[in-house]
Amino acid sequence: ENLRRELLTHKRAIDDLKAVKEFAEISGREQVAQLNAAHHDKTVELQRAMRQSEASLAQAHENLLKERIKYEERMTQLTARLDAGAAGAVIDSLKKKLMQQKQEIDELKSKLAPQQQRPPQRRPQHEQHG
């Protein structure tokens, strides 16, 4: 009788262990399935994030190209203005020189004018009849 009870106890313990083992296997498979699903979700999320990052990078690159074009156009305009300004300065300088020369010519004319306006000197009369 004792032996039988002990055998029954061992049998229950073995059945309990089998149930625990089965539960652990089922639980482990479920955990593996959950981990696989989570891994898949993370992979999909990372791929989506990478695509978005690539799209953002492409957009940023495009924006930089547009800004570069604007910058180059602006630099061309500024260079043209500087060239025009330099040409204007040269023209102004030449105008000043011309005005100075004109003033000098006018001064010379005014110095020469009184000499030209003097009546001709008369010769003595005895030389005129000669």
Protein backbone atom coordinates (compact mmCIF):
# COMPACT_ATOMS: atom_id res chain seq x y z
CA GLU A 1 0.00 0.00 0.00
CA ASN A 2 2.81 2.39 0.86
CA LEU A 3 4.56 1.52 -2.33
CA ARG A 4 1.42 2.14 -4.27
CA ARG A 5 0.94 5.59 -2.68
CA GLU A 6 4.53 6.46 -3.39
CA LEU A 7 4.15 5.29 -6.98
CA LEU A 8 0.97 7.36 -7.32
CA THR A 9 2.75 10.39 -5.87
CA HIS A 10 5.64 9.95 -8.28
CA LYS A 11 3.18 9.50 -11.15
CA ARG A 12 1.40 12.77 -10.21
CA ALA A 13 4.74 14.52 -9.93
CA ILE A 14 5.70 13.23 -13.38
CA ASP A 15 2.36 14.33 -14.78
CA ASP A 16 2.81 17.75 -13.18
CA LEU A 17 6.30 18.02 -14.68
CA LYS A 18 4.94 17.03 -18.08
CA ALA A 19 2.23 19.69 -17.77
CA VAL A 20 4.83 22.29 -16.76
CA LYS A 21 7.06 21.21 -19.61
CA GLU A 22 4.17 21.42 -22.08
CA PHE A 23 3.15 24.80 -20.69
CA ALA A 24 6.76 26.00 -20.95
CA GLU A 25 7.00 24.78 -24.53
CA ILE A 26 3.73 26.45 -25.47
CA SER A 27 4.73 29.59 -23.58
CA GLY A 28 8.17 29.54 -25.21
CA ARG A 29 6.68 29.15 -28.69
CA GLU A 30 4.31 32.03 -27.96
CA GLN A 31 7.19 34.18 -26.74
CA VAL A 32 9.24 33.28 -29.82
CA ALA A 33 6.25 34.14 -32.02
CA GLN A 34 5.79 37.45 -30.17
CA LEU A 35 9.50 38.23 -30.48
CA ASN A 36 9.41 37.38 -34.20
CA ALA A 37 6.36 39.61 -34.66
CA ALA A 38 7.99 42.42 -32.70
CA HIS A 39 11.20 41.99 -34.72
CA HIS A 40 9.19 42.10 -37.95
CA ASP A 41 7.35 45.24 -36.79
CA LYS A 42 10.64 46.92 -35.84
CA THR A 43 12.18 45.95 -39.17
CA VAL A 44 9.21 47.39 -41.07
CA GLU A 45 9.34 50.54 -38.91
CA LEU A 46 13.08 50.96 -39.50
CA GLN A 47 12.66 50.45 -43.24
CA ARG A 48 9.92 53.07 -43.29
CA ALA A 49 12.10 55.46 -41.28
CA MET A 50 15.00 54.84 -43.67
CA ARG A 51 12.82 55.59 -46.68
CA GLN A 52 11.59 58.78 -45.01
CA SER A 53 15.17 59.75 -44.17
CA GLU A 54 16.27 59.10 -47.73
CA ALA A 55 13.36 61.18 -49.02
CA SER A 56 14.21 63.97 -46.55
CA LEU A 57 17.85 63.81 -47.58
CA ALA A 58 16.91 63.98 -51.26
CA GLN A 59 14.63 66.97 -50.54
CA ALA A 60 17.38 68.70 -48.55
CA HIS A 61 19.81 68.08 -51.42
CA GLU A 62 17.32 69.52 -53.91
CA ASN A 63 16.79 72.56 -51.66
CA LEU A 64 20.55 73.07 -51.42
CA LEU A 65 20.85 72.96 -55.20
CA LYS A 66 18.07 75.54 -55.52
CA GLU A 67 19.78 77.75 -52.91
CA ARG A 68 23.08 77.39 -54.75
CA ILE A 69 21.44 78.49 -58.01
CA LYS A 70 19.87 81.49 -56.25
CA TYR A 71 23.26 82.31 -54.67
CA GLU A 72 25.03 82.12 -58.03
CA GLU A 73 22.37 84.32 -59.67
CA ARG A 74 22.70 86.84 -56.83
CA MET A 75 26.49 86.83 -57.13
CA THR A 76 26.16 87.43 -60.89
CA GLN A 77 23.83 90.37 -60.22
CA LEU A 78 26.15 91.81 -57.58
CA THR A 79 29.16 91.40 -59.86
CA ALA A 80 27.28 93.18 -62.64
CA ARG A 81 26.40 96.00 -60.24
CA LEU A 82 30.00 96.25 -59.08
CA ASP A 83 31.17 96.34 -62.71
CA ALA A 84 28.57 98.98 -63.49
CA GLY A 85 29.63 100.93 -60.40
CA ALA A 86 33.26 100.72 -61.41
CA ALA A 87 32.38 101.84 -64.95
CA GLY A 88 30.33 104.68 -63.47
CA ALA A 89 33.29 105.72 -61.34
CA VAL A 90 35.58 105.68 -64.38
CA ILE A 91 33.04 107.75 -66.34
CA ASP A 92 32.74 110.22 -63.45
CA SER A 93 36.52 110.48 -63.25
CA LEU A 94 36.76 111.11 -67.00
CA LYS A 95 34.00 113.73 -66.76
CA LYS A 96 35.95 115.54 -64.02
CA LYS A 97 39.10 115.50 -66.12
CA LEU A 98 37.18 116.82 -69.13
CA MET A 99 35.63 119.56 -67.01
CA GLN A 100 39.09 120.54 -65.71
CA GLN A 101 40.48 120.61 -69.24
CA LYS A 102 37.51 122.66 -70.43
CA GLN A 103 38.04 125.07 -67.56
CA GLU A 104 41.75 125.34 -68.43
CA ILE A 105 40.84 125.97 -72.09
CA ASP A 106 38.30 128.63 -71.05
CA GLU A 107 40.94 130.28 -68.86
CA LEU A 108 43.43 130.27 -71.70
CA LYS A 109 40.78 131.71 -74.04
CA SER A 110 40.00 134.47 -71.57
CA LYS A 111 43.72 135.30 -71.28
CA LEU A 112 44.10 135.35 -75.04
CA ALA A 113 40.89 137.27 -75.70
CA PRO A 114 42.04 140.66 -74.30
CA GLN A 115 45.17 140.49 -76.44
CA GLN A 116 43.15 139.77 -79.57
CA GLN A 117 40.62 142.48 -78.83
CA ARG A 118 43.28 145.25 -78.56
CA PRO A 119 43.08 147.58 -81.48
CA PRO A 120 45.96 147.14 -83.91
CA GLN A 121 48.85 149.49 -83.18
CA ARG A 122 49.03 152.32 -85.61
CA ARG A 123 52.21 152.96 -87.39
CA PRO A 124 53.52 156.41 -87.49
CA GLN A 125 51.99 158.40 -90.34
CA HIS A 126 55.19 158.96 -92.22
CA GLU A 127 55.60 155.17 -92.59
CA GLN A 128 52.10 154.83 -93.97
CA HIS A 129 52.66 157.09 -96.93
CA GLY A 130 56.06 155.68 -97.57
